[in-house]
C-alpha atoms as a PDB file:
ATOM      1  CA  MET A   1      79.924 -18.536 -57.828  1.00  0.00           C
ATOM      2  CA  ILE A   2      77.957 -19.791 -54.853  1.00  0.00           C
ATOM      3  CA  PRO A   3      78.093 -23.492 -54.252  1.00  0.00           C
ATOM      4  CA  MET A   4      74.849 -25.439 -54.609  1.00  0.00           C
ATOM      5  CA  SER A   5      75.050 -26.799 -51.139  1.00  0.00           C
ATOM      6  CA  CYS A   6      74.598 -23.267 -49.790  1.00  0.00           C
ATOM      7  CA  PHE A   7      71.337 -22.880 -51.658  1.00  0.00           C
ATOM      8  CA  CYS A   8      70.078 -26.110 -50.267  1.00  0.00           C
ATOM      9  CA  PHE A   9      70.953 -25.042 -46.809  1.00  0.00           C
ATOM     10  CA  ALA A  10      69.518 -21.612 -47.419  1.00  0.00           C
ATOM     11  CA  ASP A  11      66.361 -23.107 -48.880  1.00  0.00           C
ATOM     12  CA  TYR A  12      66.007 -25.365 -45.884  1.00  0.00           C
ATOM     13  CA  SER A  13      66.557 -22.467 -43.522  1.00  0.00           C
ATOM     14  CA  PHE A  14      63.956 -20.327 -45.326  1.00  0.00           C
ATOM     15  CA  GLN A  15      61.505 -23.190 -45.443  1.00  0.00           C
ATOM     16  CA  SER A  16      62.010 -23.800 -41.763  1.00  0.00           C
ATOM     17  CA  GLN A  17      61.403 -20.128 -41.006  1.00  0.00           C
ATOM     18  CA  ILE A  18      58.324 -20.136 -43.228  1.00  0.00           C
ATOM     19  CA  TYR A  19      56.922 -23.132 -41.318  1.00  0.00           C
ATOM     20  CA  GLU A  20      57.720 -21.468 -38.014  1.00  0.00           C
ATOM     21  CA  LEU A  21      56.048 -18.242 -39.138  1.00  0.00           C
ATOM     22  CA  ARG A  22      52.999 -20.162 -40.366  1.00  0.00           C
ATOM     23  CA  GLU A  23      52.797 -21.880 -36.987  1.00  0.00           C
ATOM     24  CA  VAL A  24      53.076 -18.525 -35.193  1.00  0.00           C
ATOM     25  CA  ILE A  25      50.351 -17.120 -37.471  1.00  0.00           C
ATOM     26  CA  ARG A  26      48.168 -20.180 -36.778  1.00  0.00           C
ATOM     27  CA  ASP A  27      48.708 -19.748 -33.001  1.00  0.00           C
ATOM     28  CA  LEU A  28      47.842 -16.054 -33.252  1.00  0.00           C
ATOM     29  CA  GLU A  29      44.704 -16.827 -35.280  1.00  0.00           C
ATOM     30  CA  GLU A  30      43.639 -19.378 -32.648  1.00  0.00           C
ATOM     31  CA  HIS A  31      44.339 -16.834 -29.939  1.00  0.00           C
ATOM     32  CA  ILE A  32      42.249 -14.230 -31.820  1.00  0.00           C
ATOM     33  CA  ASP A  33      39.427 -16.749 -32.273  1.00  0.00           C
ATOM     34  CA  SER A  34      39.576 -17.652 -28.601  1.00  0.00           C
ATOM     35  CA  SER A  35      39.624 -13.980 -27.589  1.00  0.00           C
ATOM     36  CA  THR A  36      36.713 -13.261 -29.910  1.00  0.00           C
ATOM     37  CA  GLU A  37      34.728 -16.095 -28.329  1.00  0.00           C
ATOM     38  CA  ASN A  38      35.567 -14.764 -24.861  1.00  0.00           C
ATOM     39  CA  VAL A  39      34.477 -11.258 -25.858  1.00  0.00           C
ATOM     40  CA  GLY A  40      31.203 -12.666 -27.187  1.00  0.00           C
ATOM     41  CA  GLU A  41      30.610 -14.618 -23.979  1.00  0.00           C
ATOM     42  CA  LEU A  42      31.432 -11.539 -21.902  1.00  0.00           C
ATOM     43  CA  ARG A  43      28.991  -9.428 -23.928  1.00  0.00           C
ATOM     44  CA  GLU A  44      26.259 -12.021 -23.411  1.00  0.00           C
ATOM     45  CA  ALA A  45      27.003 -12.121 -19.685  1.00  0.00           C
ATOM     46  CA  ASN A  46      26.993  -8.316 -19.602  1.00  0.00           C
ATOM     47  CA  ASP A  47      23.593  -8.221 -21.336  1.00  0.00           C
ATOM     48  CA  ILE A  48      22.202 -10.761 -18.863  1.00  0.00           C
ATOM     49  CA  LEU A  49      23.554  -8.752 -15.928  1.00  0.00           C
ATOM     50  CA  ARG A  50      22.047  -5.519 -17.297  1.00  0.00           C
ATOM     51  CA  GLN A  51      18.667  -7.189 -17.697  1.00  0.00           C
ATOM     52  CA  GLU A  52      18.906  -8.548 -14.146  1.00  0.00           C
ATOM     53  CA  LEU A  53      19.873  -5.099 -12.843  1.00  0.00           C
ATOM     54  CA  GLU A  54      16.886  -3.541 -14.621  1.00  0.00           C
ATOM     55  CA  ARG A  55      14.615  -6.200 -13.111  1.00  0.00           C
ATOM     56  CA  LEU A  56      16.044  -5.587  -9.639  1.00  0.00           C
ATOM     57  CA  ASN A  57      15.611  -1.824 -10.026  1.00  0.00           C
ATOM     58  CA  PHE A  58      12.009  -2.389 -11.079  1.00  0.00           C
ATOM     59  CA  LEU A  59      11.400  -4.663  -8.092  1.00  0.00           C
ATOM     60  CA  GLN A  60      13.028  -2.107  -5.764  1.00  0.00           C
ATOM     61  CA  GLN A  61      10.771   0.602  -7.152  1.00  0.00           C
ATOM     62  CA  LYS A  62       7.697  -1.581  -6.637  1.00  0.00           C
ATOM     63  CA  ALA A  63       8.830  -2.410  -3.092  1.00  0.00           C
ATOM     64  CA  ASP A  64       9.230   1.304  -2.334  1.00  0.00           C
ATOM     65  CA  GLU A  65       5.781   2.035  -3.767  1.00  0.00           C
ATOM     66  CA  THR A  66       4.279  -0.793  -1.709  1.00  0.00           C
ATOM     67  CA  ARG A  67       6.061   0.440   1.426  1.00  0.00           C
ATOM     68  CA  ASN A  68       4.793   3.999   0.845  1.00  0.00           C
ATOM     69  CA  SER A  69       1.299   2.694   0.187  1.00  0.00           C
ATOM     70  CA  ALA A  70       1.391   0.651   3.391  1.00  0.00           C
ATOM     71  CA  GLN A  71       2.546   3.720   5.333  1.00  0.00           C
ATOM     72  CA  ASP A  72      -0.312   5.739   3.802  1.00  0.00           C
ATOM     73  CA  ILE A  73      -2.788   3.042   4.831  1.00  0.00           C
ATOM     74  CA  TYR A  74      -1.323   3.009   8.361  1.00  0.00           C
ATOM     75  CA  VAL A  75      -1.572   6.801   8.644  1.00  0.00           C
ATOM     76  CA  THR A  76      -5.112   6.743   7.254  1.00  0.00           C
ATOM     77  CA  ALA A  77      -6.116   3.977   9.667  1.00  0.00           C
ATOM     78  CA  ASN A  78      -4.641   5.913  12.589  1.00  0.00           C
ATOM     79  CA  SER A  79      -6.362   9.092  11.378  1.00  0.00           C
ATOM     80  CA  GLU A  80      -9.677   7.274  11.139  1.00  0.00           C
ATOM     81  CA  PHE A  81      -9.179   5.841  14.596  1.00  0.00           C
ATOM     82  CA  THR A  82      -8.346   9.286  15.951  1.00  0.00           C
ATOM     83  CA  GLU A  83     -11.292  10.769  14.067  1.00  0.00           C
ATOM     84  CA  CYS A  84     -13.536   8.095  15.561  1.00  0.00           C
ATOM     85  CA  GLU A  85     -12.219   8.863  19.047  1.00  0.00           C
ATOM     86  CA  LEU A  86     -12.774  12.573  18.473  1.00  0.00           C
ATOM     87  CA  LEU A  87     -16.330  11.937  17.330  1.00  0.00           C
ATOM     88  CA  VAL A  88     -17.021   9.907  20.468  1.00  0.00           C
ATOM     89  CA  GLN A  89     -15.553  12.653  22.648  1.00  0.00           C
ATOM     90  CA  LEU A  90     -17.509  15.301  20.753  1.00  0.00           C
ATOM     91  CA  GLN A  91     -20.732  13.338  21.204  1.00  0.00           C
ATOM     92  CA  ASP A  92     -19.958  12.990  24.928  1.00  0.00           C
ATOM     93  CA  LEU A  93     -19.411  16.746  25.198  1.00  0.00           C
ATOM     94  CA  ALA A  94     -22.652  17.425  23.302  1.00  0.00           C
ATOM     95  CA  ASP A  95     -24.571  15.098  25.646  1.00  0.00           C
ATOM     96  CA  ARG A  96     -23.101  16.787  28.728  1.00  0.00           C
ATOM     97  CA  LEU A  97     -23.864  20.244  27.316  1.00  0.00           C
ATOM     98  CA  ALA A  98     -27.453  19.216  26.568  1.00  0.00           C
ATOM     99  CA  LYS A  99     -27.826  17.948  30.151  1.00  0.00           C
ATOM    100  CA  LYS A 100     -26.396  21.192  31.554  1.00  0.00           C
ATOM    101  CA  LEU A 101     -28.761  23.246  29.385  1.00  0.00           C
ATOM    102  CA  THR A 102     -31.681  21.132  30.537  1.00  0.00           C
ATOM    103  CA  ASP A 103     -30.596  21.592  34.159  1.00  0.00           C
ATOM    104  CA  LEU A 104     -30.241  25.325  33.585  1.00  0.00           C
ATOM    105  CA  ASP A 105     -33.718  25.531  32.009  1.00  0.00           C
ATOM    106  CA  ASN A 106     -35.160  23.718  35.037  1.00  0.00           C
ATOM    107  CA  PHE A 107     -33.407  26.093  37.440  1.00  0.00           C
ATOM    108  CA  LYS A 108     -35.873  28.590  39.010  1.00  0.00           C
ATOM    109  CA  TRP A 109     -34.729  32.208  39.177  1.00  0.00           C
ATOM    110  CA  SER A 110     -36.481  34.294  41.904  1.00  0.00           C
ATOM    111  CA  ALA A 111     -34.008  36.076  44.200  1.00  0.00           C
ATOM    112  CA  THR A 112     -32.674  39.504  43.392  1.00  0.00           C
ATOM    113  CA  VAL A 113     -28.979  39.473  42.848  1.00  0.00           C
ATOM    114  CA  SER A 114     -26.925  42.590  42.357  1.00  0.00           C
ATOM    115  CA  ARG A 115     -23.309  42.910  41.708  1.00  0.00           C
ATOM    116  CA  PRO A 116     -21.291  45.302  43.774  1.00  0.00           C
ATOM    117  CA  GLY A 117     -20.546  48.431  41.738  1.00  0.00           C
ATOM    118  CA  SER A 118     -23.261  47.570  39.222  1.00  0.00           C
ATOM    119  CA  SER A 119     -26.491  49.448  38.718  1.00  0.00           C
ATOM    120  CA  CYS A 120     -28.207  46.329  37.334  1.00  0.00           C
ATOM    121  CA  SER A 121     -30.063  43.890  39.442  1.00  0.00           C
ATOM    122  CA  THR A 122     -31.462  40.553  38.401  1.00  0.00           C
ATOM    123  CA  GLN A 123     -34.252  38.616  39.974  1.00  0.00           C
ATOM    124  CA  MET A 124     -33.857  34.904  40.318  1.00  0.00           C
ATOM    125  CA  SER A 125     -35.400  32.162  42.288  1.00  0.00           C
ATOM    126  CA  VAL A 126     -33.344  29.269  43.414  1.00  0.00           C
ATOM    127  CA  SER A 127     -34.935  25.890  43.761  1.00  0.00           C
ATOM    128  CA  SER A 128     -33.656  23.292  46.097  1.00  0.00           C
ATOM    129  CA  GLU A 129     -32.161  21.305  43.195  1.00  0.00           C
ATOM    130  CA  ASP A 130     -28.426  20.911  43.264  1.00  0.00           C
ATOM    131  CA  VAL A 131     -26.720  21.785  40.002  1.00  0.00           C
ATOM    132  CA  SER A 132     -23.197  20.554  39.784  1.00  0.00           C
ATOM    133  CA  VAL A 133     -20.678  21.881  37.345  1.00  0.00           C
ATOM    134  CA  ARG A 134     -18.019  19.605  36.115  1.00  0.00           C
END
């Protein structure tokens, strides 16, 4: 037979182990709760960061569109300036051509001019006006 004092000691030892195991379980539950809270906070932070990244990507896209639009406006402005310059130069050329045609119309043809080796001859009269060619 087992003495009664052994059971008391055994009961105390089991009870002590049960309390220790309950404390370990309680610590683990607290650790799980804490970890769960941390995971929740990390998910919230991750969601906030994703939203911020989406916003920054949107802003970057808008900045690129604005930059491209500004470049298009610059090119268009330069093209218009060049077009304006070309129109001025074209008008200047047209004015000079009109003057030359007027001078040519006023030129009197009377002398006969023949080219060497040519059977054609042309009569022209030359006035005393000086016609300059630019």
